[in-house]
Amino acid sequence: MNDPTSSMLFTATGAVTTTLPYPKTPPDTYGMLVPCKNGAAFLPRLFAATRDQTRPFDEVWLFDDGSSDGSGEVAASFGARVLRSDRSLGPSAARNRLIEACSCTWLHFHDADDTLDGKYLERVAAEARTDIDVVICDMVWLDETTGAVENHWHYDAAALASDAASYLIVNTVGGINGLYRRTALLAAGAFDEKLGYWEDLDLSLRLSRHGARITVVNEDLVMAYRRRASYSNSNLGEVWRVKLQLIRSLLPGAGESLRRTIAAEAEQIANRFAALGNWRDVPMALVLNHEAGGSAPTTGSLVFRLLKRVLPGTSALWLQRSLRMLLRSK
């Protein structure tokens, strides 16, 4: 009578006719998904961290994205389930194939050359409640060669909840520091396979637009190793062009706060193009800055503000950077 998994069915006269069991909700399961192209040298480090989890993953999958270094064989030797492609499909397609293959209710993506704390899953799974779709943790970027900290990503849950799009544009959330409810990923359309860069930002923005409920664990539970010869660092011009296109797509209908963020980020990208010597790309970043209500290049100098009125935007930015470098050299 007191069994919480059963119920009474009564007739109109109140007589009990049968007892029906309530369906039990199956427990949540957790999968780690690793897109990998020629990452065999890094996999022992990653799988050592996976093995040492205080709460083990239920499934571990790796997508061998056309590797030529035996990445798939190395992953299989550590017990991972391996999908293979004879040609490189790219990181977004690799992740989508992993989503399709893994049966777990919660999914964590990790790059082959990065790692995670032994308590990662224990800590984030504790926050994977029924009213949550994404769990983000803090993240550290380390220099692969020296181990020095290059950046520390510490997330503000209140700021994220207040203005998700503006916050996500400025505060990088990589696949490696997110735990995602599988159904939420699918509802948002998973990863855009046309994107070779910033697919994580694009996904985060779409998740927020689809009403995904996000929480934050303020602990450094994942570590990203930065390498000068990495795919992204070897193609920085394209990296910033893709981000510029992404934030441009947010401008129609953007509120005042988001417009300010787009303007500021477009100016930052203009400066990054300039630092790379990609002066031909600077104008499109400055155009977006102005369309969003900015007045790049930003300056506190009255003289320079007057010069901006007569100089083209690219020339003004070049002059500003030249003057700053001259002053730093003295």
C-alpha atoms as a PDB file:
ATOM      1  CA  MET A   1       0.000   0.000   0.000  1.00  0.00           C
ATOM      2  CA  ASN A   2       2.838   2.411   0.805  1.00  0.00           C
ATOM      3  CA  ASP A   3       4.948   1.485  -2.227  1.00  0.00           C
ATOM      4  CA  PRO A   4       5.788   4.838  -3.906  1.00  0.00           C
ATOM      5  CA  THR A   5       6.185   3.093  -7.263  1.00  0.00           C
ATOM      6  CA  SER A   6       2.537   1.939  -7.424  1.00  0.00           C
ATOM      7  CA  SER A   7      -0.848   3.611  -7.675  1.00  0.00           C
ATOM      8  CA  MET A   8      -4.471   2.700  -6.906  1.00  0.00           C
ATOM      9  CA  LEU A   9      -7.129   2.739  -9.605  1.00  0.00           C
ATOM     10  CA  PHE A  10     -10.703   3.203  -8.274  1.00  0.00           C
ATOM     11  CA  THR A  11     -14.093   2.577  -9.883  1.00  0.00           C
ATOM     12  CA  ALA A  12     -16.969   5.032  -9.622  1.00  0.00           C
ATOM     13  CA  THR A  13     -18.075   3.247  -6.447  1.00  0.00           C
ATOM     14  CA  GLY A  14     -14.634   3.498  -4.938  1.00  0.00           C
ATOM     15  CA  ALA A  15     -13.623  -0.145  -5.253  1.00  0.00           C
ATOM     16  CA  VAL A  16     -10.001  -0.908  -6.019  1.00  0.00           C
ATOM     17  CA  THR A  17      -9.714  -2.675  -9.349  1.00  0.00           C
ATOM     18  CA  THR A  18      -5.945  -2.894  -9.861  1.00  0.00           C
ATOM     19  CA  THR A  19      -2.577  -1.602  -8.837  1.00  0.00           C
ATOM     20  CA  LEU A  20      -0.418  -0.021 -11.577  1.00  0.00           C
ATOM     21  CA  PRO A  21       3.341   0.587 -11.230  1.00  0.00           C
ATOM     22  CA  TYR A  22       4.621   4.100 -11.894  1.00  0.00           C
ATOM     23  CA  PRO A  23       7.352   4.024 -14.570  1.00  0.00           C
ATOM     24  CA  LYS A  24      10.721   4.536 -12.946  1.00  0.00           C
ATOM     25  CA  THR A  25      12.919   7.258 -14.430  1.00  0.00           C
ATOM     26  CA  PRO A  26      16.175   5.694 -15.614  1.00  0.00           C
ATOM     27  CA  PRO A  27      19.307   7.146 -14.016  1.00  0.00           C
ATOM     28  CA  ASP A  28      21.292   9.790 -15.881  1.00  0.00           C
ATOM     29  CA  THR A  29      24.330   8.566 -17.773  1.00  0.00           C
ATOM     30  CA  TYR A  30      27.409  10.503 -18.817  1.00  0.00           C
ATOM     31  CA  GLY A  31      29.478  10.219 -21.981  1.00  0.00           C
ATOM     32  CA  MET A  32      32.832  11.746 -22.895  1.00  0.00           C
ATOM     33  CA  LEU A  33      33.176  12.471 -26.598  1.00  0.00           C
ATOM     34  CA  VAL A  34      36.578  13.213 -28.164  1.00  0.00           C
ATOM     35  CA  PRO A  35      36.938  14.550 -31.721  1.00  0.00           C
ATOM     36  CA  CYS A  36      40.500  13.781 -32.769  1.00  0.00           C
ATOM     37  CA  LYS A  37      42.735  14.335 -35.770  1.00  0.00           C
ATOM     38  CA  ASN A  38      46.352  13.230 -35.359  1.00  0.00           C
ATOM     39  CA  GLY A  39      46.256  13.498 -31.590  1.00  0.00           C
ATOM     40  CA  ALA A  40      47.820  10.125 -30.748  1.00  0.00           C
ATOM     41  CA  ALA A  41      50.692  11.717 -28.809  1.00  0.00           C
ATOM     42  CA  PHE A  42      48.273  13.449 -26.421  1.00  0.00           C
ATOM     43  CA  LEU A  43      45.779  10.644 -25.854  1.00  0.00           C
ATOM     44  CA  PRO A  44      47.681   8.860 -23.029  1.00  0.00           C
ATOM     45  CA  ARG A  45      47.484  12.053 -20.948  1.00  0.00           C
ATOM     46  CA  LEU A  46      43.776  12.503 -21.645  1.00  0.00           C
ATOM     47  CA  PHE A  47      42.836   8.883 -21.011  1.00  0.00           C
ATOM     48  CA  ALA A  48      44.875   8.835 -17.784  1.00  0.00           C
ATOM     49  CA  ALA A  49      42.690  11.715 -16.570  1.00  0.00           C
ATOM     50  CA  THR A  50      39.597   9.862 -17.768  1.00  0.00           C
ATOM     51  CA  ARG A  51      40.636   6.692 -15.912  1.00  0.00           C
ATOM     52  CA  ASP A  52      41.235   8.685 -12.711  1.00  0.00           C
ATOM     53  CA  GLN A  53      37.738  10.214 -12.557  1.00  0.00           C
ATOM     54  CA  THR A  54      36.196   9.782  -9.109  1.00  0.00           C
ATOM     55  CA  ARG A  55      32.871   9.352 -10.891  1.00  0.00           C
ATOM     56  CA  PRO A  56      33.632   7.375 -14.084  1.00  0.00           C
ATOM     57  CA  PHE A  57      32.062   8.204 -17.435  1.00  0.00           C
ATOM     58  CA  ASP A  58      29.522   5.625 -18.558  1.00  0.00           C
ATOM     59  CA  GLU A  59      30.710   5.779 -22.156  1.00  0.00           C
ATOM     60  CA  VAL A  60      33.910   7.128 -23.739  1.00  0.00           C
ATOM     61  CA  TRP A  61      33.936   7.684 -27.496  1.00  0.00           C
ATOM     62  CA  LEU A  62      36.551   9.020 -29.911  1.00  0.00           C
ATOM     63  CA  PHE A  63      36.002  10.110 -33.510  1.00  0.00           C
ATOM     64  CA  ASP A  64      39.147   9.535 -35.577  1.00  0.00           C
ATOM     65  CA  ASP A  65      38.808  12.356 -38.087  1.00  0.00           C
ATOM     66  CA  GLY A  66      40.988  11.015 -40.897  1.00  0.00           C
ATOM     67  CA  SER A  67      44.130  10.683 -38.735  1.00  0.00           C
ATOM     68  CA  SER A  68      47.395   9.390 -40.139  1.00  0.00           C
ATOM     69  CA  ASP A  69      49.094   8.727 -36.788  1.00  0.00           C
ATOM     70  CA  GLY A  70      47.061   5.801 -35.469  1.00  0.00           C
ATOM     71  CA  SER A  71      44.903   7.908 -33.134  1.00  0.00           C
ATOM     72  CA  GLY A  72      42.010   5.465 -33.392  1.00  0.00           C
ATOM     73  CA  GLU A  73      44.172   2.485 -32.465  1.00  0.00           C
ATOM     74  CA  VAL A  74      45.649   4.350 -29.472  1.00  0.00           C
ATOM     75  CA  ALA A  75      42.177   5.293 -28.243  1.00  0.00           C
ATOM     76  CA  ALA A  76      40.931   1.727 -28.635  1.00  0.00           C
ATOM     77  CA  SER A  77      43.886   0.465 -26.606  1.00  0.00           C
ATOM     78  CA  PHE A  78      42.631   2.607 -23.709  1.00  0.00           C
ATOM     79  CA  GLY A  79      39.140   1.141 -23.993  1.00  0.00           C
ATOM     80  CA  ALA A  80      37.451   3.941 -25.921  1.00  0.00           C
ATOM     81  CA  ARG A  81      34.785   3.195 -28.496  1.00  0.00           C
ATOM     82  CA  VAL A  82      36.111   4.480 -31.816  1.00  0.00           C
ATOM     83  CA  LEU A  83      34.397   5.886 -34.896  1.00  0.00           C
ATOM     84  CA  ARG A  84      36.548   6.437 -37.973  1.00  0.00           C
ATOM     85  CA  SER A  85      36.428   8.543 -41.105  1.00  0.00           C
ATOM     86  CA  ASP A  86      38.811   8.046 -44.008  1.00  0.00           C
ATOM     87  CA  ARG A  87      38.842  11.804 -44.623  1.00  0.00           C
ATOM     88  CA  SER A  88      38.739  14.770 -42.311  1.00  0.00           C
ATOM     89  CA  LEU A  89      35.204  16.033 -41.713  1.00  0.00           C
ATOM     90  CA  GLY A  90      36.133  18.825 -39.308  1.00  0.00           C
ATOM     91  CA  PRO A  91      35.487  19.298 -35.578  1.00  0.00           C
ATOM     92  CA  SER A  92      31.773  20.106 -35.835  1.00  0.00           C
ATOM     93  CA  ALA A  93      30.918  17.072 -37.952  1.00  0.00           C
ATOM     94  CA  ALA A  94      33.092  14.877 -35.714  1.00  0.00           C
ATOM     95  CA  ARG A  95      31.172  16.002 -32.643  1.00  0.00           C
ATOM     96  CA  ASN A  96      27.822  15.495 -34.327  1.00  0.00           C
ATOM     97  CA  ARG A  97      28.743  11.934 -35.288  1.00  0.00           C
ATOM     98  CA  LEU A  98      29.719  11.317 -31.664  1.00  0.00           C
ATOM     99  CA  ILE A  99      26.390  12.705 -30.435  1.00  0.00           C
ATOM    100  CA  GLU A 100      24.591  10.288 -32.758  1.00  0.00           C
ATOM    101  CA  ALA A 101      26.618   7.308 -31.530  1.00  0.00           C
ATOM    102  CA  CYS A 102      26.553   7.923 -27.782  1.00  0.00           C
ATOM    103  CA  SER A 103      23.441   6.852 -25.884  1.00  0.00           C
ATOM    104  CA  CYS A 104      24.114   8.853 -22.694  1.00  0.00           C
ATOM    105  CA  THR A 105      21.725  11.506 -21.383  1.00  0.00           C
ATOM    106  CA  TRP A 106      24.566  13.953 -20.640  1.00  0.00           C
ATOM    107  CA  LEU A 107      27.496  14.634 -22.977  1.00  0.00           C
ATOM    108  CA  HIS A 108      30.922  16.152 -22.382  1.00  0.00           C
ATOM    109  CA  PHE A 109      33.220  17.026 -25.282  1.00  0.00           C
ATOM    110  CA  HIS A 110      36.957  17.037 -24.782  1.00  0.00           C
ATOM    111  CA  ASP A 111      39.779  17.806 -27.206  1.00  0.00           C
ATOM    112  CA  ALA A 112      42.468  15.169 -27.545  1.00  0.00           C
ATOM    113  CA  ASP A 113      45.284  17.507 -26.510  1.00  0.00           C
ATOM    114  CA  ASP A 114      43.594  18.845 -23.355  1.00  0.00           C
ATOM    115  CA  THR A 115      42.863  17.264 -19.971  1.00  0.00           C
ATOM    116  CA  LEU A 116      40.571  17.425 -16.963  1.00  0.00           C
ATOM    117  CA  ASP A 117      40.679  17.230 -13.181  1.00  0.00           C
ATOM    118  CA  GLY A 118      40.015  13.862 -11.562  1.00  0.00           C
ATOM    119  CA  LYS A 119      36.901  15.261  -9.864  1.00  0.00           C
ATOM    120  CA  TYR A 120      35.492  16.831 -13.041  1.00  0.00           C
ATOM    121  CA  LEU A 121      32.520  14.545 -13.574  1.00  0.00           C
ATOM    122  CA  GLU A 122      31.757  14.132  -9.886  1.00  0.00           C
ATOM    123  CA  ARG A 123      31.488  17.894  -9.448  1.00  0.00           C
ATOM    124  CA  VAL A 124      29.560  18.799 -12.597  1.00  0.00           C
ATOM    125  CA  ALA A 125      27.228  15.788 -12.438  1.00  0.00           C
ATOM    126  CA  ALA A 126      26.147  16.989  -8.982  1.00  0.00           C
ATOM    127  CA  GLU A 127      24.731  20.095 -10.709  1.00  0.00           C
ATOM    128  CA  ALA A 128      23.082  18.200 -13.592  1.00  0.00           C
ATOM    129  CA  ARG A 129      19.605  18.501 -12.136  1.00  0.00           C
ATOM    130  CA  THR A 130      16.274  18.099 -13.896  1.00  0.00           C
ATOM    131  CA  ASP A 131      15.961  21.898 -14.200  1.00  0.00           C
ATOM    132  CA  ILE A 132      19.393  22.300 -15.853  1.00  0.00           C
ATOM    133  CA  ASP A 133      20.497  21.745 -19.470  1.00  0.00           C
ATOM    134  CA  VAL A 134      24.136  22.889 -19.421  1.00  0.00           C
ATOM    135  CA  VAL A 135      26.765  22.842 -16.668  1.00  0.00           C
ATOM    136  CA  ILE A 136      29.816  25.052 -17.216  1.00  0.00           C
ATOM    137  CA  CYS A 137      32.949  24.938 -15.077  1.00  0.00           C
ATOM    138  CA  ASP A 138      35.913  27.300 -14.853  1.00  0.00           C
ATOM    139  CA  MET A 139      38.797  26.634 -17.230  1.00  0.00           C
ATOM    140  CA  VAL A 140      42.562  27.235 -17.289  1.00  0.00           C
ATOM    141  CA  TRP A 141      44.635  27.757 -20.437  1.00  0.00           C
ATOM    142  CA  LEU A 142      48.206  26.497 -20.057  1.00  0.00           C
ATOM    143  CA  ASP A 143      51.245  26.850 -22.283  1.00  0.00           C
ATOM    144  CA  GLU A 144      51.932  23.338 -23.604  1.00  0.00           C
ATOM    145  CA  THR A 145      55.716  23.789 -23.394  1.00  0.00           C
ATOM    146  CA  THR A 146      56.195  25.621 -20.100  1.00  0.00           C
ATOM    147  CA  GLY A 147      52.998  24.819 -18.217  1.00  0.00           C
ATOM    148  CA  ALA A 148      52.568  28.518 -17.421  1.00  0.00           C
ATOM    149  CA  VAL A 149      49.011  29.823 -17.051  1.00  0.00           C
ATOM    150  CA  GLU A 150      48.061  31.866 -20.126  1.00  0.00           C
ATOM    151  CA  ASN A 151      44.486  32.612 -19.132  1.00  0.00           C
ATOM    152  CA  HIS A 152      41.960  31.740 -16.455  1.00  0.00           C
ATOM    153  CA  TRP A 153      38.314  31.648 -17.438  1.00  0.00           C
ATOM    154  CA  HIS A 154      36.167  32.307 -14.370  1.00  0.00           C
ATOM    155  CA  TYR A 155      32.450  32.507 -15.110  1.00  0.00           C
ATOM    156  CA  ASP A 156      29.847  34.767 -13.531  1.00  0.00           C
ATOM    157  CA  ALA A 157      26.520  32.946 -13.357  1.00  0.00           C
ATOM    158  CA  ALA A 158      24.552  36.140 -12.638  1.00  0.00           C
ATOM    159  CA  ALA A 159      26.045  38.005 -15.616  1.00  0.00           C
ATOM    160  CA  LEU A 160      25.432  34.998 -17.857  1.00  0.00           C
ATOM    161  CA  ALA A 161      21.797  34.829 -16.783  1.00  0.00           C
ATOM    162  CA  SER A 162      21.340  38.579 -17.216  1.00  0.00           C
ATOM    163  CA  ASP A 163      22.580  38.875 -20.814  1.00  0.00           C
ATOM    164  CA  ALA A 164      23.708  35.523 -22.191  1.00  0.00           C
ATOM    165  CA  ALA A 165      24.614  36.632 -25.726  1.00  0.00           C
ATOM    166  CA  SER A 166      26.773  39.565 -24.597  1.00  0.00           C
ATOM    167  CA  TYR A 167      28.441  37.439 -21.941  1.00  0.00           C
ATOM    168  CA  LEU A 168      29.211  34.509 -24.239  1.00  0.00           C
ATOM    169  CA  ILE A 169      30.728  36.725 -26.951  1.00  0.00           C
ATOM    170  CA  VAL A 170      33.374  37.967 -24.515  1.00  0.00           C
ATOM    171  CA  ASN A 171      33.798  34.953 -22.225  1.00  0.00           C
ATOM    172  CA  THR A 172      34.915  31.874 -24.119  1.00  0.00           C
ATOM    173  CA  VAL A 173      33.045  28.673 -23.335  1.00  0.00           C
ATOM    174  CA  GLY A 174      34.742  25.767 -25.069  1.00  0.00           C
ATOM    175  CA  GLY A 175      33.286  22.332 -25.522  1.00  0.00           C
ATOM    176  CA  ILE A 176      35.787  21.042 -22.972  1.00  0.00           C
ATOM    177  CA  ASN A 177      34.285  22.951 -20.061  1.00  0.00           C
ATOM    178  CA  GLY A 178      30.646  22.160 -20.747  1.00  0.00           C
ATOM    179  CA  LEU A 179      28.388  19.269 -19.816  1.00  0.00           C
ATOM    180  CA  TYR A 180      25.313  19.192 -22.058  1.00  0.00           C
ATOM    181  CA  ARG A 181      21.954  17.505 -21.809  1.00  0.00           C
ATOM    182  CA  ARG A 182      21.706  15.470 -25.013  1.00  0.00           C
ATOM    183  CA  THR A 183      18.111  16.503 -25.717  1.00  0.00           C
ATOM    184  CA  ALA A 184      19.024  20.204 -25.356  1.00  0.00           C
ATOM    185  CA  LEU A 185      21.880  19.806 -27.844  1.00  0.00           C
ATOM    186  CA  LEU A 186      19.586  18.179 -30.373  1.00  0.00           C
ATOM    187  CA  ALA A 187      16.854  20.785 -29.854  1.00  0.00           C
ATOM    188  CA  ALA A 188      19.377  23.547 -30.614  1.00  0.00           C
ATOM    189  CA  GLY A 189      20.555  21.786 -33.789  1.00  0.00           C
ATOM    190  CA  ALA A 190      23.882  20.456 -32.417  1.00  0.00           C
ATOM    191  CA  PHE A 191      27.057  21.802 -34.065  1.00  0.00           C
ATOM    192  CA  ASP A 192      27.033  23.791 -37.307  1.00  0.00           C
ATOM    193  CA  GLU A 193      29.142  21.678 -39.653  1.00  0.00           C
ATOM    194  CA  LYS A 194      29.842  24.670 -41.908  1.00  0.00           C
ATOM    195  CA  LEU A 195      31.971  26.253 -39.178  1.00  0.00           C
ATOM    196  CA  GLY A 196      35.636  25.398 -38.843  1.00  0.00           C
ATOM    197  CA  TYR A 197      36.127  27.759 -35.883  1.00  0.00           C
ATOM    198  CA  TRP A 198      33.988  29.178 -33.051  1.00  0.00           C
ATOM    199  CA  GLU A 199      31.565  26.280 -33.346  1.00  0.00           C
ATOM    200  CA  ASP A 200      31.429  26.248 -29.536  1.00  0.00           C
ATOM    201  CA  LEU A 201      30.418  29.922 -29.379  1.00  0.00           C
ATOM    202  CA  ASP A 202      27.814  29.384 -32.079  1.00  0.00           C
ATOM    203  CA  LEU A 203      26.363  26.422 -30.182  1.00  0.00           C
ATOM    204  CA  SER A 204      26.310  28.319 -26.871  1.00  0.00           C
ATOM    205  CA  LEU A 205      24.477  31.232 -28.478  1.00  0.00           C
ATOM    206  CA  ARG A 206      21.885  28.924 -30.046  1.00  0.00           C
ATOM    207  CA  LEU A 207      21.419  27.030 -26.785  1.00  0.00           C
ATOM    208  CA  SER A 208      20.718  30.295 -24.976  1.00  0.00           C
ATOM    209  CA  ARG A 209      18.240  31.365 -27.690  1.00  0.00           C
ATOM    210  CA  HIS A 210      16.462  28.009 -27.299  1.00  0.00           C
ATOM    211  CA  GLY A 211      16.033  28.650 -23.583  1.00  0.00           C
ATOM    212  CA  ALA A 212      18.672  26.231 -22.310  1.00  0.00           C
ATOM    213  CA  ARG A 213      19.030  26.461 -18.539  1.00  0.00           C
ATOM    214  CA  ILE A 214      22.695  26.984 -17.659  1.00  0.00           C
ATOM    215  CA  THR A 215      24.481  26.736 -14.329  1.00  0.00           C
ATOM    216  CA  VAL A 216      28.112  27.327 -13.360  1.00  0.00           C
ATOM    217  CA  VAL A 217      30.578  25.438 -11.169  1.00  0.00           C
ATOM    218  CA  ASN A 218      33.305  27.885 -10.138  1.00  0.00           C
ATOM    219  CA  GLU A 219      36.113  25.370  -9.931  1.00  0.00           C
ATOM    220  CA  ASP A 220      39.065  24.880 -12.319  1.00  0.00           C
ATOM    221  CA  LEU A 221      38.119  21.426 -13.534  1.00  0.00           C
ATOM    222  CA  VAL A 222      39.429  21.438 -17.131  1.00  0.00           C
ATOM    223  CA  MET A 223      42.772  22.450 -18.591  1.00  0.00           C
ATOM    224  CA  ALA A 224      43.380  23.502 -22.201  1.00  0.00           C
ATOM    225  CA  TYR A 225      46.945  23.322 -23.478  1.00  0.00           C
ATOM    226  CA  ARG A 226      47.845  26.085 -25.908  1.00  0.00           C
ATOM    227  CA  ARG A 227      50.308  25.312 -28.682  1.00  0.00           C
ATOM    228  CA  ARG A 228      51.775  27.874 -31.052  1.00  0.00           C
ATOM    229  CA  ALA A 229      51.476  25.445 -33.978  1.00  0.00           C
ATOM    230  CA  SER A 230      47.892  24.403 -33.251  1.00  0.00           C
ATOM    231  CA  TYR A 231      45.272  24.474 -35.989  1.00  0.00           C
ATOM    232  CA  SER A 232      43.675  27.670 -34.664  1.00  0.00           C
ATOM    233  CA  ASN A 233      46.931  29.506 -34.003  1.00  0.00           C
ATOM    234  CA  SER A 234      48.118  28.650 -37.503  1.00  0.00           C
ATOM    235  CA  ASN A 235      44.995  30.230 -39.044  1.00  0.00           C
ATOM    236  CA  LEU A 236      44.296  33.267 -36.872  1.00  0.00           C
ATOM    237  CA  GLY A 237      43.117  35.443 -39.748  1.00  0.00           C
ATOM    238  CA  GLU A 238      40.316  33.006 -40.539  1.00  0.00           C
ATOM    239  CA  VAL A 239      39.591  32.527 -36.822  1.00  0.00           C
ATOM    240  CA  TRP A 240      38.787  36.221 -36.401  1.00  0.00           C
ATOM    241  CA  ARG A 241      36.895  36.447 -39.702  1.00  0.00           C
ATOM    242  CA  VAL A 242      34.571  33.667 -38.548  1.00  0.00           C
ATOM    243  CA  LYS A 243      33.940  35.318 -35.184  1.00  0.00           C
ATOM    244  CA  LEU A 244      33.228  38.602 -36.940  1.00  0.00           C
ATOM    245  CA  GLN A 245      30.596  36.886 -39.097  1.00  0.00           C
ATOM    246  CA  LEU A 246      29.025  35.254 -36.042  1.00  0.00           C
ATOM    247  CA  ILE A 247      28.613  38.465 -34.085  1.00  0.00           C
ATOM    248  CA  ARG A 248      27.393  40.291 -37.206  1.00  0.00           C
ATOM    249  CA  SER A 249      24.552  37.761 -37.438  1.00  0.00           C
ATOM    250  CA  LEU A 250      23.405  38.885 -33.970  1.00  0.00           C
ATOM    251  CA  LEU A 251      23.089  42.566 -34.856  1.00  0.00           C
ATOM    252  CA  PRO A 252      19.571  42.568 -36.390  1.00  0.00           C
ATOM    253  CA  GLY A 253      17.177  43.025 -33.513  1.00  0.00           C
ATOM    254  CA  ALA A 254      19.967  43.360 -30.925  1.00  0.00           C
ATOM    255  CA  GLY A 255      19.217  45.429 -27.848  1.00  0.00           C
ATOM    256  CA  GLU A 256      21.405  48.243 -26.586  1.00  0.00           C
ATOM    257  CA  SER A 257      23.600  46.059 -24.363  1.00  0.00           C
ATOM    258  CA  LEU A 258      24.266  43.514 -27.091  1.00  0.00           C
ATOM    259  CA  ARG A 259      24.974  46.265 -29.636  1.00  0.00           C
ATOM    260  CA  ARG A 260      27.597  47.735 -27.304  1.00  0.00           C
ATOM    261  CA  THR A 261      29.190  44.323 -26.906  1.00  0.00           C
ATOM    262  CA  ILE A 262      29.224  43.723 -30.675  1.00  0.00           C
ATOM    263  CA  ALA A 263      30.790  47.139 -31.257  1.00  0.00           C
ATOM    264  CA  ALA A 264      33.507  46.560 -28.653  1.00  0.00           C
ATOM    265  CA  GLU A 265      34.292  43.060 -29.930  1.00  0.00           C
ATOM    266  CA  ALA A 266      34.417  44.247 -33.547  1.00  0.00           C
ATOM    267  CA  GLU A 267      36.995  46.861 -32.548  1.00  0.00           C
ATOM    268  CA  GLN A 268      39.029  44.192 -30.749  1.00  0.00           C
ATOM    269  CA  ILE A 269      38.944  42.050 -33.887  1.00  0.00           C
ATOM    270  CA  ALA A 270      40.036  45.048 -35.990  1.00  0.00           C
ATOM    271  CA  ASN A 271      43.053  45.404 -33.712  1.00  0.00           C
ATOM    272  CA  ARG A 272      43.783  41.681 -33.966  1.00  0.00           C
ATOM    273  CA  PHE A 273      43.688  41.875 -37.754  1.00  0.00           C
ATOM    274  CA  ALA A 274      46.084  44.829 -37.569  1.00  0.00           C
ATOM    275  CA  ALA A 275      48.448  42.948 -35.246  1.00  0.00           C
ATOM    276  CA  LEU A 276      48.531  40.097 -37.773  1.00  0.00           C
ATOM    277  CA  GLY A 277      49.242  42.536 -40.601  1.00  0.00           C
ATOM    278  CA  ASN A 278      45.857  41.718 -42.189  1.00  0.00           C
ATOM    279  CA  TRP A 279      45.016  45.331 -42.988  1.00  0.00           C
ATOM    280  CA  ARG A 280      42.674  44.308 -45.798  1.00  0.00           C
ATOM    281  CA  ASP A 281      40.352  42.752 -43.173  1.00  0.00           C
ATOM    282  CA  VAL A 282      40.370  45.749 -40.836  1.00  0.00           C
ATOM    283  CA  PRO A 283      37.678  47.739 -42.712  1.00  0.00           C
ATOM    284  CA  MET A 284      34.965  45.070 -42.343  1.00  0.00           C
ATOM    285  CA  ALA A 285      35.564  44.949 -38.578  1.00  0.00           C
ATOM    286  CA  LEU A 286      35.395  48.737 -38.348  1.00  0.00           C
ATOM    287  CA  VAL A 287      32.208  48.794 -40.435  1.00  0.00           C
ATOM    288  CA  LEU A 288      30.537  46.400 -38.008  1.00  0.00           C
ATOM    289  CA  ASN A 289      31.742  48.504 -35.083  1.00  0.00           C
ATOM    290  CA  HIS A 290      30.093  51.585 -36.588  1.00  0.00           C
ATOM    291  CA  GLU A 291      26.909  49.696 -37.548  1.00  0.00           C
ATOM    292  CA  ALA A 292      26.590  48.606 -33.914  1.00  0.00           C
ATOM    293  CA  GLY A 293      26.938  52.202 -32.726  1.00  0.00           C
ATOM    294  CA  GLY A 294      30.673  52.333 -32.005  1.00  0.00           C
ATOM    295  CA  SER A 295      33.189  54.943 -33.127  1.00  0.00           C
ATOM    296  CA  ALA A 296      36.400  52.930 -33.483  1.00  0.00           C
ATOM    297  CA  PRO A 297      39.205  53.459 -32.978  1.00  0.00           C
ATOM    298  CA  THR A 298      38.338  54.348 -29.394  1.00  0.00           C
ATOM    299  CA  THR A 299      40.495  57.081 -27.895  1.00  0.00           C
ATOM    300  CA  GLY A 300      40.600  59.431 -24.942  1.00  0.00           C
ATOM    301  CA  SER A 301      42.698  61.988 -26.816  1.00  0.00           C
ATOM    302  CA  LEU A 302      40.901  65.144 -27.956  1.00  0.00           C
ATOM    303  CA  VAL A 303      43.447  65.645 -30.747  1.00  0.00           C
ATOM    304  CA  PHE A 304      42.962  62.132 -32.032  1.00  0.00           C
ATOM    305  CA  ARG A 305      39.178  62.471 -31.867  1.00  0.00           C
ATOM    306  CA  LEU A 306      39.506  65.491 -34.163  1.00  0.00           C
ATOM    307  CA  LEU A 307      41.794  63.567 -36.508  1.00  0.00           C
ATOM    308  CA  LYS A 308      39.233  60.753 -36.707  1.00  0.00           C
ATOM    309  CA  ARG A 309      36.802  63.167 -38.326  1.00  0.00           C
ATOM    310  CA  VAL A 310      39.015  63.572 -41.380  1.00  0.00           C
ATOM    311  CA  LEU A 311      40.872  60.248 -41.548  1.00  0.00           C
ATOM    312  CA  PRO A 312      39.404  56.996 -42.925  1.00  0.00           C
ATOM    313  CA  GLY A 313      38.839  54.427 -40.181  1.00  0.00           C
ATOM    314  CA  THR A 314      41.690  52.131 -41.240  1.00  0.00           C
ATOM    315  CA  SER A 315      44.114  55.051 -41.450  1.00  0.00           C
ATOM    316  CA  ALA A 316      43.033  56.261 -38.017  1.00  0.00           C
ATOM    317  CA  LEU A 317      43.594  52.801 -36.553  1.00  0.00           C
ATOM    318  CA  TRP A 318      47.009  52.531 -38.216  1.00  0.00           C
ATOM    319  CA  LEU A 319      48.015  55.939 -36.853  1.00  0.00           C
ATOM    320  CA  GLN A 320      46.778  55.072 -33.358  1.00  0.00           C
ATOM    321  CA  ARG A 321      48.707  51.795 -33.277  1.00  0.00           C
ATOM    322  CA  SER A 322      51.842  53.431 -34.674  1.00  0.00           C
ATOM    323  CA  LEU A 323      51.773  56.168 -32.037  1.00  0.00           C
ATOM    324  CA  ARG A 324      51.243  53.665 -29.240  1.00  0.00           C
ATOM    325  CA  MET A 325      54.160  51.510 -30.417  1.00  0.00           C
ATOM    326  CA  LEU A 326      56.340  54.608 -30.684  1.00  0.00           C
ATOM    327  CA  LEU A 327      55.481  55.656 -27.130  1.00  0.00           C
ATOM    328  CA  ARG A 328      56.124  52.139 -25.777  1.00  0.00           C
ATOM    329  CA  SER A 329      59.541  52.054 -27.398  1.00  0.00           C
ATOM    330  CA  LYS A 330      60.703  55.201 -25.591  1.00  0.00           C
END
